[in-house]
PDB file of N, CA and C in Angstrom:
ATOM      1  N   MET A   1       0.846  -1.169   0.000  1.00  0.00           N
ATOM      2  CA  MET A   1       0.000   0.000   0.000  1.00  0.00           C
ATOM      3  C   MET A   1       0.895   1.237   0.000  1.00  0.00           C
ATOM      4  N   ALA A   2       0.636   2.124  -0.893  1.00  0.00           N
ATOM      5  CA  ALA A   2       1.422   3.350  -1.004  1.00  0.00           C
ATOM      6  C   ALA A   2       0.978   4.354   0.051  1.00  0.00           C
ATOM      7  N   LEU A   3       1.922   5.057   0.613  1.00  0.00           N
ATOM      8  CA  LEU A   3       1.619   6.128   1.557  1.00  0.00           C
ATOM      9  C   LEU A   3       1.355   7.403   0.776  1.00  0.00           C
ATOM     10  N   THR A   4       0.364   8.121   1.210  1.00  0.00           N
ATOM     11  CA  THR A   4       0.065   9.399   0.570  1.00  0.00           C
ATOM     12  C   THR A   4      -0.051  10.463   1.637  1.00  0.00           C
ATOM     13  N   LYS A   5       0.128  11.694   1.239  1.00  0.00           N
ATOM     14  CA  LYS A   5      -0.063  12.797   2.171  1.00  0.00           C
ATOM     15  C   LYS A   5      -0.629  13.980   1.396  1.00  0.00           C
ATOM     16  N   ILE A   6      -1.324  14.816   2.113  1.00  0.00           N
ATOM     17  CA  ILE A   6      -1.891  16.016   1.512  1.00  0.00           C
ATOM     18  C   ILE A   6      -0.920  17.155   1.737  1.00  0.00           C
ATOM     19  N   THR A   7      -0.598  17.843   0.687  1.00  0.00           N
ATOM     20  CA  THR A   7       0.293  18.992   0.814  1.00  0.00           C
ATOM     21  C   THR A   7      -0.532  20.267   0.768  1.00  0.00           C
ATOM     22  N   SER A   8       0.053  21.341   1.233  1.00  0.00           N
ATOM     23  CA  SER A   8      -0.682  22.609   1.287  1.00  0.00           C
ATOM     24  C   SER A   8      -1.132  23.066  -0.096  1.00  0.00           C
ATOM     25  N   GLY A   9      -0.438  22.668  -1.140  1.00  0.00           N
ATOM     26  CA  GLY A   9      -0.822  23.059  -2.488  1.00  0.00           C
ATOM     27  C   GLY A   9      -2.084  22.377  -2.979  1.00  0.00           C
ATOM     28  N   VAL A  10      -2.502  21.310  -2.290  1.00  0.00           N
ATOM     29  CA  VAL A  10      -3.685  20.555  -2.692  1.00  0.00           C
ATOM     30  C   VAL A  10      -4.948  21.088  -2.018  1.00  0.00           C
ATOM     31  N   ILE A  11      -4.792  21.634  -0.810  1.00  0.00           N
ATOM     32  CA  ILE A  11      -5.942  22.120  -0.049  1.00  0.00           C
ATOM     33  C   ILE A  11      -6.331  23.500  -0.571  1.00  0.00           C
ATOM     34  N   ALA A  12      -7.595  23.664  -0.899  1.00  0.00           N
ATOM     35  CA  ALA A  12      -8.083  24.920  -1.463  1.00  0.00           C
ATOM     36  C   ALA A  12      -8.018  26.047  -0.429  1.00  0.00           C
ATOM     37  N   PRO A  13      -7.837  27.290  -0.889  1.00  0.00           N
ATOM     38  CA  PRO A  13      -7.776  28.438   0.024  1.00  0.00           C
ATOM     39  C   PRO A  13      -9.005  28.550   0.920  1.00  0.00           C
ATOM     40  N   GLU A  14     -10.142  28.052   0.440  1.00  0.00           N
ATOM     41  CA  GLU A  14     -11.356  28.157   1.249  1.00  0.00           C
ATOM     42  C   GLU A  14     -11.231  27.417   2.583  1.00  0.00           C
ATOM     43  N   PHE A  15     -10.254  26.522   2.702  1.00  0.00           N
ATOM     44  CA  PHE A  15     -10.074  25.762   3.937  1.00  0.00           C
ATOM     45  C   PHE A  15      -8.861  26.202   4.734  1.00  0.00           C
ATOM     46  N   THR A  16      -8.019  27.053   4.192  1.00  0.00           N
ATOM     47  CA  THR A  16      -6.742  27.349   4.848  1.00  0.00           C
ATOM     48  C   THR A  16      -6.471  28.828   5.056  1.00  0.00           C
ATOM     49  N   THR A  17      -7.397  29.702   4.722  1.00  0.00           N
ATOM     50  CA  THR A  17      -7.118  31.130   4.825  1.00  0.00           C
ATOM     51  C   THR A  17      -8.207  31.862   5.597  1.00  0.00           C
ATOM     52  N   SER A  18      -7.852  33.059   6.026  1.00  0.00           N
ATOM     53  CA  SER A  18      -8.835  33.951   6.620  1.00  0.00           C
ATOM     54  C   SER A  18      -8.881  35.221   5.781  1.00  0.00           C
ATOM     55  N   ALA A  19      -9.981  35.940   5.892  1.00  0.00           N
ATOM     56  CA  ALA A  19     -10.139  37.169   5.117  1.00  0.00           C
ATOM     57  C   ALA A  19     -10.822  38.213   5.985  1.00  0.00           C
ATOM     58  N   ASN A  20     -10.370  39.447   5.837  1.00  0.00           N
ATOM     59  CA  ASN A  20     -11.014  40.560   6.530  1.00  0.00           C
ATOM     60  C   ASN A  20     -12.109  41.114   5.636  1.00  0.00           C
ATOM     61  N   LEU A  21     -13.306  41.193   6.171  1.00  0.00           N
ATOM     62  CA  LEU A  21     -14.421  41.773   5.443  1.00  0.00           C
ATOM     63  C   LEU A  21     -14.450  43.272   5.732  1.00  0.00           C
ATOM     64  N   VAL A  22     -14.724  44.069   4.725  1.00  0.00           N
ATOM     65  CA  VAL A  22     -14.820  45.512   4.900  1.00  0.00           C
ATOM     66  C   VAL A  22     -16.233  45.840   5.342  1.00  0.00           C
ATOM     67  N   SER A  23     -16.339  46.501   6.484  1.00  0.00           N
ATOM     68  CA  SER A  23     -17.651  46.846   7.020  1.00  0.00           C
ATOM     69  C   SER A  23     -18.370  47.809   6.087  1.00  0.00           C
ATOM     70  N   GLY A  24     -19.607  47.503   5.816  1.00  0.00           N
ATOM     71  CA  GLY A  24     -20.463  48.330   4.983  1.00  0.00           C
ATOM     72  C   GLY A  24     -21.897  47.943   5.273  1.00  0.00           C
ATOM     73  N   THR A  25     -22.840  48.649   4.728  1.00  0.00           N
ATOM     74  CA  THR A  25     -24.225  48.287   4.980  1.00  0.00           C
ATOM     75  C   THR A  25     -24.574  46.948   4.344  1.00  0.00           C
ATOM     76  N   SER A  26     -23.922  46.624   3.224  1.00  0.00           N
ATOM     77  CA  SER A  26     -24.086  45.323   2.563  1.00  0.00           C
ATOM     78  C   SER A  26     -22.715  44.677   2.424  1.00  0.00           C
ATOM     79  N   VAL A  27     -22.581  43.457   2.926  1.00  0.00           N
ATOM     80  CA  VAL A  27     -21.299  42.753   2.872  1.00  0.00           C
ATOM     81  C   VAL A  27     -21.526  41.385   2.237  1.00  0.00           C
ATOM     82  N   SER A  28     -20.839  41.133   1.131  1.00  0.00           N
ATOM     83  CA  SER A  28     -20.934  39.849   0.446  1.00  0.00           C
ATOM     84  C   SER A  28     -19.826  38.931   0.949  1.00  0.00           C
ATOM     85  N   VAL A  29     -20.200  37.712   1.330  1.00  0.00           N
ATOM     86  CA  VAL A  29     -19.242  36.716   1.795  1.00  0.00           C
ATOM     87  C   VAL A  29     -19.104  35.653   0.700  1.00  0.00           C
ATOM     88  N   ASP A  30     -17.930  35.596   0.077  1.00  0.00           N
ATOM     89  CA  ASP A  30     -17.634  34.602  -0.955  1.00  0.00           C
ATOM     90  C   ASP A  30     -17.119  33.349  -0.258  1.00  0.00           C
ATOM     91  N   TRP A  31     -17.947  32.338  -0.143  1.00  0.00           N
ATOM     92  CA  TRP A  31     -17.628  31.122   0.604  1.00  0.00           C
ATOM     93  C   TRP A  31     -16.439  30.372   0.023  1.00  0.00           C
ATOM     94  N   ASN A  32     -16.092  30.654  -1.202  1.00  0.00           N
ATOM     95  CA  ASN A  32     -14.990  29.952  -1.854  1.00  0.00           C
ATOM     96  C   ASN A  32     -13.642  30.633  -1.620  1.00  0.00           C
ATOM     97  N   SER A  33     -13.634  31.769  -0.911  1.00  0.00           N
ATOM     98  CA  SER A  33     -12.405  32.552  -0.786  1.00  0.00           C
ATOM     99  C   SER A  33     -11.636  32.339   0.509  1.00  0.00           C
ATOM    100  N   ALA A  34     -12.296  31.861   1.578  1.00  0.00           N
ATOM    101  CA  ALA A  34     -11.614  31.695   2.869  1.00  0.00           C
ATOM    102  C   ALA A  34     -12.443  30.801   3.776  1.00  0.00           C
ATOM    103  N   GLN A  35     -11.835  30.371   4.868  1.00  0.00           N
ATOM    104  CA  GLN A  35     -12.538  29.573   5.879  1.00  0.00           C
ATOM    105  C   GLN A  35     -13.064  30.463   7.006  1.00  0.00           C
ATOM    106  N   ILE A  36     -12.241  31.430   7.405  1.00  0.00           N
ATOM    107  CA  ILE A  36     -12.573  32.329   8.507  1.00  0.00           C
ATOM    108  C   ILE A  36     -12.678  33.743   7.950  1.00  0.00           C
ATOM    109  N   PHE A  37     -13.739  34.434   8.346  1.00  0.00           N
ATOM    110  CA  PHE A  37     -13.930  35.824   7.948  1.00  0.00           C
ATOM    111  C   PHE A  37     -13.976  36.678   9.210  1.00  0.00           C
ATOM    112  N   ARG A  38     -13.337  37.845   9.164  1.00  0.00           N
ATOM    113  CA  ARG A  38     -13.303  38.755  10.310  1.00  0.00           C
ATOM    114  C   ARG A  38     -13.907  40.100   9.904  1.00  0.00           C
ATOM    115  N   ILE A  39     -14.660  40.681  10.860  1.00  0.00           N
ATOM    116  CA  ILE A  39     -15.270  41.986  10.599  1.00  0.00           C
ATOM    117  C   ILE A  39     -15.496  42.699  11.926  1.00  0.00           C
ATOM    118  N   THR A  40     -15.353  44.016  11.906  1.00  0.00           N
ATOM    119  CA  THR A  40     -15.765  44.874  13.011  1.00  0.00           C
ATOM    120  C   THR A  40     -16.809  45.813  12.423  1.00  0.00           C
ATOM    121  N   PRO A  41     -18.084  45.498  12.655  1.00  0.00           N
ATOM    122  CA  PRO A  41     -19.146  46.315  12.053  1.00  0.00           C
ATOM    123  C   PRO A  41     -19.193  47.716  12.655  1.00  0.00           C
ATOM    124  N   ASN A  42     -19.090  48.721  11.816  1.00  0.00           N
ATOM    125  CA  ASN A  42     -19.174  50.106  12.266  1.00  0.00           C
ATOM    126  C   ASN A  42     -20.581  50.664  12.115  1.00  0.00           C
ATOM    127  N   HIS A  43     -21.503  49.840  11.632  1.00  0.00           N
ATOM    128  CA  HIS A  43     -22.913  50.195  11.479  1.00  0.00           C
ATOM    129  C   HIS A  43     -23.673  48.905  11.229  1.00  0.00           C
ATOM    130  N   ALA A  44     -24.970  48.978  11.056  1.00  0.00           N
ATOM    131  CA  ALA A  44     -25.761  47.782  10.766  1.00  0.00           C
ATOM    132  C   ALA A  44     -25.261  47.147   9.465  1.00  0.00           C
ATOM    133  N   VAL A  45     -25.096  45.822   9.481  1.00  0.00           N
ATOM    134  CA  VAL A  45     -24.567  45.098   8.329  1.00  0.00           C
ATOM    135  C   VAL A  45     -25.574  44.049   7.877  1.00  0.00           C
ATOM    136  N   THR A  46     -25.804  43.982   6.576  1.00  0.00           N
ATOM    137  CA  THR A  46     -26.607  42.921   5.974  1.00  0.00           C
ATOM    138  C   THR A  46     -25.677  42.068   5.125  1.00  0.00           C
ATOM    139  N   PHE A  47     -25.593  40.777   5.473  1.00  0.00           N
ATOM    140  CA  PHE A  47     -24.728  39.853   4.748  1.00  0.00           C
ATOM    141  C   PHE A  47     -25.461  39.212   3.581  1.00  0.00           C
ATOM    142  N   SER A  48     -24.717  38.915   2.517  1.00  0.00           N
ATOM    143  CA  SER A  48     -25.192  38.052   1.433  1.00  0.00           C
ATOM    144  C   SER A  48     -24.105  37.007   1.205  1.00  0.00           C
ATOM    145  N   PHE A  49     -24.485  35.853   0.683  1.00  0.00           N
ATOM    146  CA  PHE A  49     -23.547  34.754   0.486  1.00  0.00           C
ATOM    147  C   PHE A  49     -23.454  34.402  -0.991  1.00  0.00           C
ATOM    148  N   THR A  50     -22.211  34.078  -1.443  1.00  0.00           N
ATOM    149  CA  THR A  50     -21.985  33.613  -2.812  1.00  0.00           C
ATOM    150  C   THR A  50     -21.037  32.419  -2.783  1.00  0.00           C
ATOM    151  N   ASP A  51     -21.020  31.661  -3.866  1.00  0.00           N
ATOM    152  CA  ASP A  51     -20.100  30.525  -4.070  1.00  0.00           C
ATOM    153  C   ASP A  51     -20.145  29.471  -2.974  1.00  0.00           C
ATOM    154  N   TYR A  52     -21.292  29.205  -2.409  1.00  0.00           N
ATOM    155  CA  TYR A  52     -21.446  28.192  -1.364  1.00  0.00           C
ATOM    156  C   TYR A  52     -21.812  26.850  -1.987  1.00  0.00           C
ATOM    157  N   LYS A  53     -21.488  25.794  -1.291  1.00  0.00           N
ATOM    158  CA  LYS A  53     -21.849  24.428  -1.687  1.00  0.00           C
ATOM    159  C   LYS A  53     -22.355  23.696  -0.453  1.00  0.00           C
ATOM    160  N   ILE A  54     -23.240  22.768  -0.659  1.00  0.00           N
ATOM    161  CA  ILE A  54     -23.794  21.993   0.438  1.00  0.00           C
ATOM    162  C   ILE A  54     -22.661  21.356   1.256  1.00  0.00           C
ATOM    163  N   GLY A  55     -22.775  21.444   2.570  1.00  0.00           N
ATOM    164  CA  GLY A  55     -21.783  20.873   3.476  1.00  0.00           C
ATOM    165  C   GLY A  55     -20.682  21.832   3.894  1.00  0.00           C
ATOM    166  N   MET A  56     -20.551  22.957   3.216  1.00  0.00           N
ATOM    167  CA  MET A  56     -19.521  23.926   3.600  1.00  0.00           C
ATOM    168  C   MET A  56     -19.885  24.571   4.936  1.00  0.00           C
ATOM    169  N   VAL A  57     -18.872  24.782   5.766  1.00  0.00           N
ATOM    170  CA  VAL A  57     -19.037  25.447   7.053  1.00  0.00           C
ATOM    171  C   VAL A  57     -18.085  26.627   7.079  1.00  0.00           C
ATOM    172  N   LYS A  58     -18.578  27.793   7.429  1.00  0.00           N
ATOM    173  CA  LYS A  58     -17.758  28.996   7.506  1.00  0.00           C
ATOM    174  C   LYS A  58     -17.900  29.623   8.890  1.00  0.00           C
ATOM    175  N   ILE A  59     -16.864  30.383   9.255  1.00  0.00           N
ATOM    176  CA  ILE A  59     -16.837  31.075  10.531  1.00  0.00           C
ATOM    177  C   ILE A  59     -16.705  32.569  10.255  1.00  0.00           C
ATOM    178  N   ILE A  60     -17.521  33.366  10.934  1.00  0.00           N
ATOM    179  CA  ILE A  60     -17.351  34.816  10.937  1.00  0.00           C
ATOM    180  C   ILE A  60     -17.030  35.207  12.375  1.00  0.00           C
ATOM    181  N   VAL A  61     -15.910  35.897  12.555  1.00  0.00           N
ATOM    182  CA  VAL A  61     -15.569  36.447  13.857  1.00  0.00           C
ATOM    183  C   VAL A  61     -15.873  37.936  13.768  1.00  0.00           C
ATOM    184  N   ALA A  62     -16.937  38.346  14.456  1.00  0.00           N
ATOM    185  CA  ALA A  62     -17.367  39.741  14.426  1.00  0.00           C
ATOM    186  C   ALA A  62     -17.008  40.372  15.769  1.00  0.00           C
ATOM    187  N   THR A  63     -16.153  41.373  15.723  1.00  0.00           N
ATOM    188  CA  THR A  63     -15.728  42.063  16.936  1.00  0.00           C
ATOM    189  C   THR A  63     -16.602  43.290  17.143  1.00  0.00           C
ATOM    190  N   GLY A  64     -17.221  43.370  18.313  1.00  0.00           N
ATOM    191  CA  GLY A  64     -18.106  44.486  18.614  1.00  0.00           C
ATOM    192  C   GLY A  64     -17.400  45.828  18.523  1.00  0.00           C
ATOM    193  N   ALA A  65     -18.123  46.832  18.028  1.00  0.00           N
ATOM    194  CA  ALA A  65     -17.558  48.169  17.852  1.00  0.00           C
ATOM    195  C   ALA A  65     -17.954  49.122  18.976  1.00  0.00           C
ATOM    196  N   GLY A  66     -18.800  48.658  19.892  1.00  0.00           N
ATOM    197  CA  GLY A  66     -19.182  49.495  21.016  1.00  0.00           C
ATOM    198  C   GLY A  66     -20.392  50.365  20.771  1.00  0.00           C
ATOM    199  N   GLY A  67     -21.208  49.988  19.828  1.00  0.00           N
ATOM    200  CA  GLY A  67     -22.417  50.753  19.529  1.00  0.00           C
ATOM    201  C   GLY A  67     -23.645  49.878  19.695  1.00  0.00           C
ATOM    202  N   SER A  68     -24.611  50.108  18.863  1.00  0.00           N
ATOM    203  CA  SER A  68     -25.821  49.276  18.861  1.00  0.00           C
ATOM    204  C   SER A  68     -26.027  48.701  17.462  1.00  0.00           C
ATOM    205  N   ASN A  69     -24.914  48.347  16.816  1.00  0.00           N
ATOM    206  CA  ASN A  69     -24.970  47.811  15.464  1.00  0.00           C
ATOM    207  C   ASN A  69     -25.587  46.421  15.458  1.00  0.00           C
ATOM    208  N   THR A  70     -26.154  46.051  14.329  1.00  0.00           N
ATOM    209  CA  THR A  70     -26.797  44.747  14.181  1.00  0.00           C
ATOM    210  C   THR A  70     -26.236  44.031  12.964  1.00  0.00           C
ATOM    211  N   LEU A  71     -26.393  42.719  12.962  1.00  0.00           N
ATOM    212  CA  LEU A  71     -26.025  41.886  11.819  1.00  0.00           C
ATOM    213  C   LEU A  71     -27.293  41.231  11.300  1.00  0.00           C
ATOM    214  N   THR A  72     -27.487  41.278   9.992  1.00  0.00           N
ATOM    215  CA  THR A  72     -28.634  40.631   9.364  1.00  0.00           C
ATOM    216  C   THR A  72     -28.110  39.627   8.349  1.00  0.00           C
ATOM    217  N   PHE A  73     -28.646  38.414   8.411  1.00  0.00           N
ATOM    218  CA  PHE A  73     -28.225  37.343   7.511  1.00  0.00           C
ATOM    219  C   PHE A  73     -29.294  37.129   6.447  1.00  0.00           C
ATOM    220  N   PRO A  74     -28.937  36.447   5.347  1.00  0.00           N
ATOM    221  CA  PRO A  74     -29.921  36.211   4.284  1.00  0.00           C
ATOM    222  C   PRO A  74     -31.176  35.521   4.820  1.00  0.00           C
ATOM    223  N   ALA A  75     -32.289  35.732   4.138  1.00  0.00           N
ATOM    224  CA  ALA A  75     -33.562  35.140   4.557  1.00  0.00           C
ATOM    225  C   ALA A  75     -33.482  33.618   4.618  1.00  0.00           C
ATOM    226  N   GLU A  76     -32.588  33.011   3.836  1.00  0.00           N
ATOM    227  CA  GLU A  76     -32.445  31.550   3.810  1.00  0.00           C
ATOM    228  C   GLU A  76     -31.621  31.027   5.001  1.00  0.00           C
ATOM    229  N   ALA A  77     -31.097  31.935   5.816  1.00  0.00           N
ATOM    230  CA  ALA A  77     -30.278  31.542   6.973  1.00  0.00           C
ATOM    231  C   ALA A  77     -31.154  31.445   8.213  1.00  0.00           C
ATOM    232  N   ILE A  78     -31.136  30.287   8.828  1.00  0.00           N
ATOM    233  CA  ILE A  78     -31.970  30.005   9.997  1.00  0.00           C
ATOM    234  C   ILE A  78     -31.099  30.065  11.247  1.00  0.00           C
ATOM    235  N   LYS A  79     -31.451  30.967  12.172  1.00  0.00           N
ATOM    236  CA  LYS A  79     -30.679  31.095  13.411  1.00  0.00           C
ATOM    237  C   LYS A  79     -31.097  30.008  14.387  1.00  0.00           C
ATOM    238  N   LEU A  80     -30.098  29.270  14.883  1.00  0.00           N
ATOM    239  CA  LEU A  80     -30.360  28.230  15.877  1.00  0.00           C
ATOM    240  C   LEU A  80     -30.283  28.776  17.293  1.00  0.00           C
ATOM    241  N   SER A  81     -29.290  29.636  17.541  1.00  0.00           N
ATOM    242  CA  SER A  81     -29.155  30.190  18.890  1.00  0.00           C
ATOM    243  C   SER A  81     -28.197  31.363  18.890  1.00  0.00           C
ATOM    244  N   GLY A  82     -28.283  32.156  19.951  1.00  0.00           N
ATOM    245  CA  GLY A  82     -27.355  33.247  20.190  1.00  0.00           C
ATOM    246  C   GLY A  82     -27.745  34.547  19.524  1.00  0.00           C
ATOM    247  N   ASP A  83     -27.169  35.628  20.044  1.00  0.00           N
ATOM    248  CA  ASP A  83     -27.395  36.965  19.519  1.00  0.00           C
ATOM    249  C   ASP A  83     -26.065  37.688  19.415  1.00  0.00           C
ATOM    250  N   TYR A  84     -25.971  38.588  18.477  1.00  0.00           N
ATOM    251  CA  TYR A  84     -24.774  39.387  18.282  1.00  0.00           C
ATOM    252  C   TYR A  84     -24.613  40.374  19.437  1.00  0.00           C
ATOM    253  N   ASP A  85     -23.406  40.470  19.989  1.00  0.00           N
ATOM    254  CA  ASP A  85     -23.077  41.401  21.065  1.00  0.00           C
ATOM    255  C   ASP A  85     -22.143  42.466  20.496  1.00  0.00           C
ATOM    256  N   ASP A  86     -22.615  43.713  20.429  1.00  0.00           N
ATOM    257  CA  ASP A  86     -21.813  44.787  19.850  1.00  0.00           C
ATOM    258  C   ASP A  86     -21.007  45.559  20.898  1.00  0.00           C
ATOM    259  N   THR A  87     -20.916  45.023  22.117  1.00  0.00           N
ATOM    260  CA  THR A  87     -20.079  45.639  23.141  1.00  0.00           C
ATOM    261  C   THR A  87     -18.658  45.778  22.597  1.00  0.00           C
ATOM    262  N   SER A  88     -18.008  46.891  22.895  1.00  0.00           N
ATOM    263  CA  SER A  88     -16.665  47.139  22.391  1.00  0.00           C
ATOM    264  C   SER A  88     -15.725  45.969  22.671  1.00  0.00           C
ATOM    265  N   ALA A  89     -15.081  45.477  21.644  1.00  0.00           N
ATOM    266  CA  ALA A  89     -14.098  44.385  21.667  1.00  0.00           C
ATOM    267  C   ALA A  89     -14.694  43.003  21.954  1.00  0.00           C
ATOM    268  N   ALA A  90     -15.999  42.883  22.063  1.00  0.00           N
ATOM    269  CA  ALA A  90     -16.623  41.563  22.270  1.00  0.00           C
ATOM    270  C   ALA A  90     -16.415  40.722  21.017  1.00  0.00           C
ATOM    271  N   LYS A  91     -15.933  39.504  21.191  1.00  0.00           N
ATOM    272  CA  LYS A  91     -15.722  38.585  20.072  1.00  0.00           C
ATOM    273  C   LYS A  91     -16.969  37.718  19.904  1.00  0.00           C
ATOM    274  N   ASN A  92     -17.575  37.775  18.738  1.00  0.00           N
ATOM    275  CA  ASN A  92     -18.736  36.966  18.394  1.00  0.00           C
ATOM    276  C   ASN A  92     -18.295  35.887  17.419  1.00  0.00           C
ATOM    277  N   PHE A  93     -18.497  34.641  17.809  1.00  0.00           N
ATOM    278  CA  PHE A  93     -18.138  33.492  16.987  1.00  0.00           C
ATOM    279  C   PHE A  93     -19.407  33.042  16.280  1.00  0.00           C
ATOM    280  N   ILE A  94     -19.439  33.217  14.966  1.00  0.00           N
ATOM    281  CA  ILE A  94     -20.628  32.890  14.182  1.00  0.00           C
ATOM    282  C   ILE A  94     -20.269  31.738  13.253  1.00  0.00           C
ATOM    283  N   GLN A  95     -20.936  30.616  13.450  1.00  0.00           N
ATOM    284  CA  GLN A  95     -20.679  29.435  12.628  1.00  0.00           C
ATOM    285  C   GLN A  95     -21.892  29.208  11.731  1.00  0.00           C
ATOM    286  N   ILE A  96     -21.628  29.055  10.433  1.00  0.00           N
ATOM    287  CA  ILE A  96     -22.697  28.929   9.437  1.00  0.00           C
ATOM    288  C   ILE A  96     -22.435  27.689   8.592  1.00  0.00           C
ATOM    289  N   VAL A  97     -23.473  26.882   8.381  1.00  0.00           N
ATOM    290  CA  VAL A  97     -23.345  25.705   7.531  1.00  0.00           C
ATOM    291  C   VAL A  97     -24.390  25.786   6.408  1.00  0.00           C
ATOM    292  N   CYS A  98     -23.974  25.408   5.219  1.00  0.00           N
ATOM    293  CA  CYS A  98     -24.877  25.344   4.075  1.00  0.00           C
ATOM    294  C   CYS A  98     -25.449  23.933   4.012  1.00  0.00           C
ATOM    295  N   THR A  99     -26.772  23.810   4.128  1.00  0.00           N
ATOM    296  CA  THR A  99     -27.406  22.487   4.114  1.00  0.00           C
ATOM    297  C   THR A  99     -28.159  22.187   2.829  1.00  0.00           C
ATOM    298  N   ASP A 100     -28.267  23.181   1.954  1.00  0.00           N
ATOM    299  CA  ASP A 100     -28.913  22.948   0.660  1.00  0.00           C
ATOM    300  C   ASP A 100     -28.467  24.028  -0.310  1.00  0.00           C
ATOM    301  N   ASP A 101     -27.947  23.619  -1.453  1.00  0.00           N
ATOM    302  CA  ASP A 101     -27.533  24.593  -2.466  1.00  0.00           C
ATOM    303  C   ASP A 101     -28.255  24.372  -3.784  1.00  0.00           C
ATOM    304  N   ASP A 102     -29.267  23.520  -3.773  1.00  0.00           N
ATOM    305  CA  ASP A 102     -30.015  23.178  -4.981  1.00  0.00           C
ATOM    306  C   ASP A 102     -31.333  23.943  -4.983  1.00  0.00           C
ATOM    307  N   GLY A 103     -31.485  24.844  -5.906  1.00  0.00           N
ATOM    308  CA  GLY A 103     -32.704  25.647  -5.946  1.00  0.00           C
ATOM    309  C   GLY A 103     -32.629  26.750  -4.907  1.00  0.00           C
ATOM    310  N   THR A 104     -33.443  26.641  -3.864  1.00  0.00           N
ATOM    311  CA  THR A 104     -33.415  27.610  -2.779  1.00  0.00           C
ATOM    312  C   THR A 104     -32.370  27.180  -1.759  1.00  0.00           C
ATOM    313  N   PRO A 105     -31.343  28.000  -1.540  1.00  0.00           N
ATOM    314  CA  PRO A 105     -30.309  27.605  -0.579  1.00  0.00           C
ATOM    315  C   PRO A 105     -30.851  27.616   0.852  1.00  0.00           C
ATOM    316  N   GLU A 106     -30.164  26.895   1.729  1.00  0.00           N
ATOM    317  CA  GLU A 106     -30.542  26.858   3.142  1.00  0.00           C
ATOM    318  C   GLU A 106     -29.271  26.850   3.985  1.00  0.00           C
ATOM    319  N   PHE A 107     -29.272  27.666   5.017  1.00  0.00           N
ATOM    320  CA  PHE A 107     -28.140  27.779   5.926  1.00  0.00           C
ATOM    321  C   PHE A 107     -28.661  27.722   7.359  1.00  0.00           C
ATOM    322  N   PHE A 108     -27.849  27.227   8.264  1.00  0.00           N
ATOM    323  CA  PHE A 108     -28.129  27.299   9.691  1.00  0.00           C
ATOM    324  C   PHE A 108     -26.948  27.990  10.345  1.00  0.00           C
ATOM    325  N   TYR A 109     -27.214  28.828  11.359  1.00  0.00           N
ATOM    326  CA  TYR A 109     -26.102  29.504  12.031  1.00  0.00           C
ATOM    327  C   TYR A 109     -26.351  29.660  13.517  1.00  0.00           C
ATOM    328  N   THR A 110     -25.236  29.761  14.238  1.00  0.00           N
ATOM    329  CA  THR A 110     -25.256  30.034  15.671  1.00  0.00           C
ATOM    330  C   THR A 110     -24.293  31.183  15.947  1.00  0.00           C
ATOM    331  N   ILE A 111     -24.596  31.938  17.006  1.00  0.00           N
ATOM    332  CA  ILE A 111     -23.724  33.020  17.441  1.00  0.00           C
ATOM    333  C   ILE A 111     -23.406  32.786  18.910  1.00  0.00           C
ATOM    334  N   SER A 112     -22.132  32.850  19.257  1.00  0.00           N
ATOM    335  CA  SER A 112     -21.766  32.701  20.667  1.00  0.00           C
ATOM    336  C   SER A 112     -20.587  33.595  20.994  1.00  0.00           C
ATOM    337  N   GLN A 113     -20.408  33.834  22.295  1.00  0.00           N
ATOM    338  CA  GLN A 113     -19.315  34.640  22.795  1.00  0.00           C
ATOM    339  C   GLN A 113     -18.554  33.833  23.841  1.00  0.00           C
ATOM    340  N   GLN A 114     -17.402  34.335  24.221  1.00  0.00           N
ATOM    341  CA  GLN A 114     -16.576  33.677  25.222  1.00  0.00           C
ATOM    342  C   GLN A 114     -17.361  33.526  26.527  1.00  0.00           C
ATOM    343  N   ALA A 115     -17.236  32.370  27.143  1.00  0.00           N
ATOM    344  CA  ALA A 115     -17.908  32.130  28.420  1.00  0.00           C
ATOM    345  C   ALA A 115     -17.286  33.015  29.501  1.00  0.00           C
ATOM    346  N   THR A 116     -18.117  33.455  30.421  1.00  0.00           N
ATOM    347  CA  THR A 116     -17.610  34.297  31.515  1.00  0.00           C
ATOM    348  C   THR A 116     -17.607  33.540  32.832  1.00  0.00           C
TER     349      THR A 116
END
């Protein structure tokens, strides 16, 4: 039996990189571009998703800006639990999974913060 190994050149960037999202009223998340996305919302943000495939899981780390900003996800995204905390420097861990990409897409997401 031959031994095989996966090299970094074989793993797609969507699994090995992070990307900073630019805060704006509308923010598009390209699921094929990174695994982890970071953002500090300076105002209310509405997310849209592109290039997703069933089974993909993405993480958004949203750092609170200290205001009363909100995050809005696509209508096809179903929240399971948690709420965004915009307290200054609060780290929000948002995990999103694509469960259907055929016809009408479907996503599930949770939001959590560090335990106190």
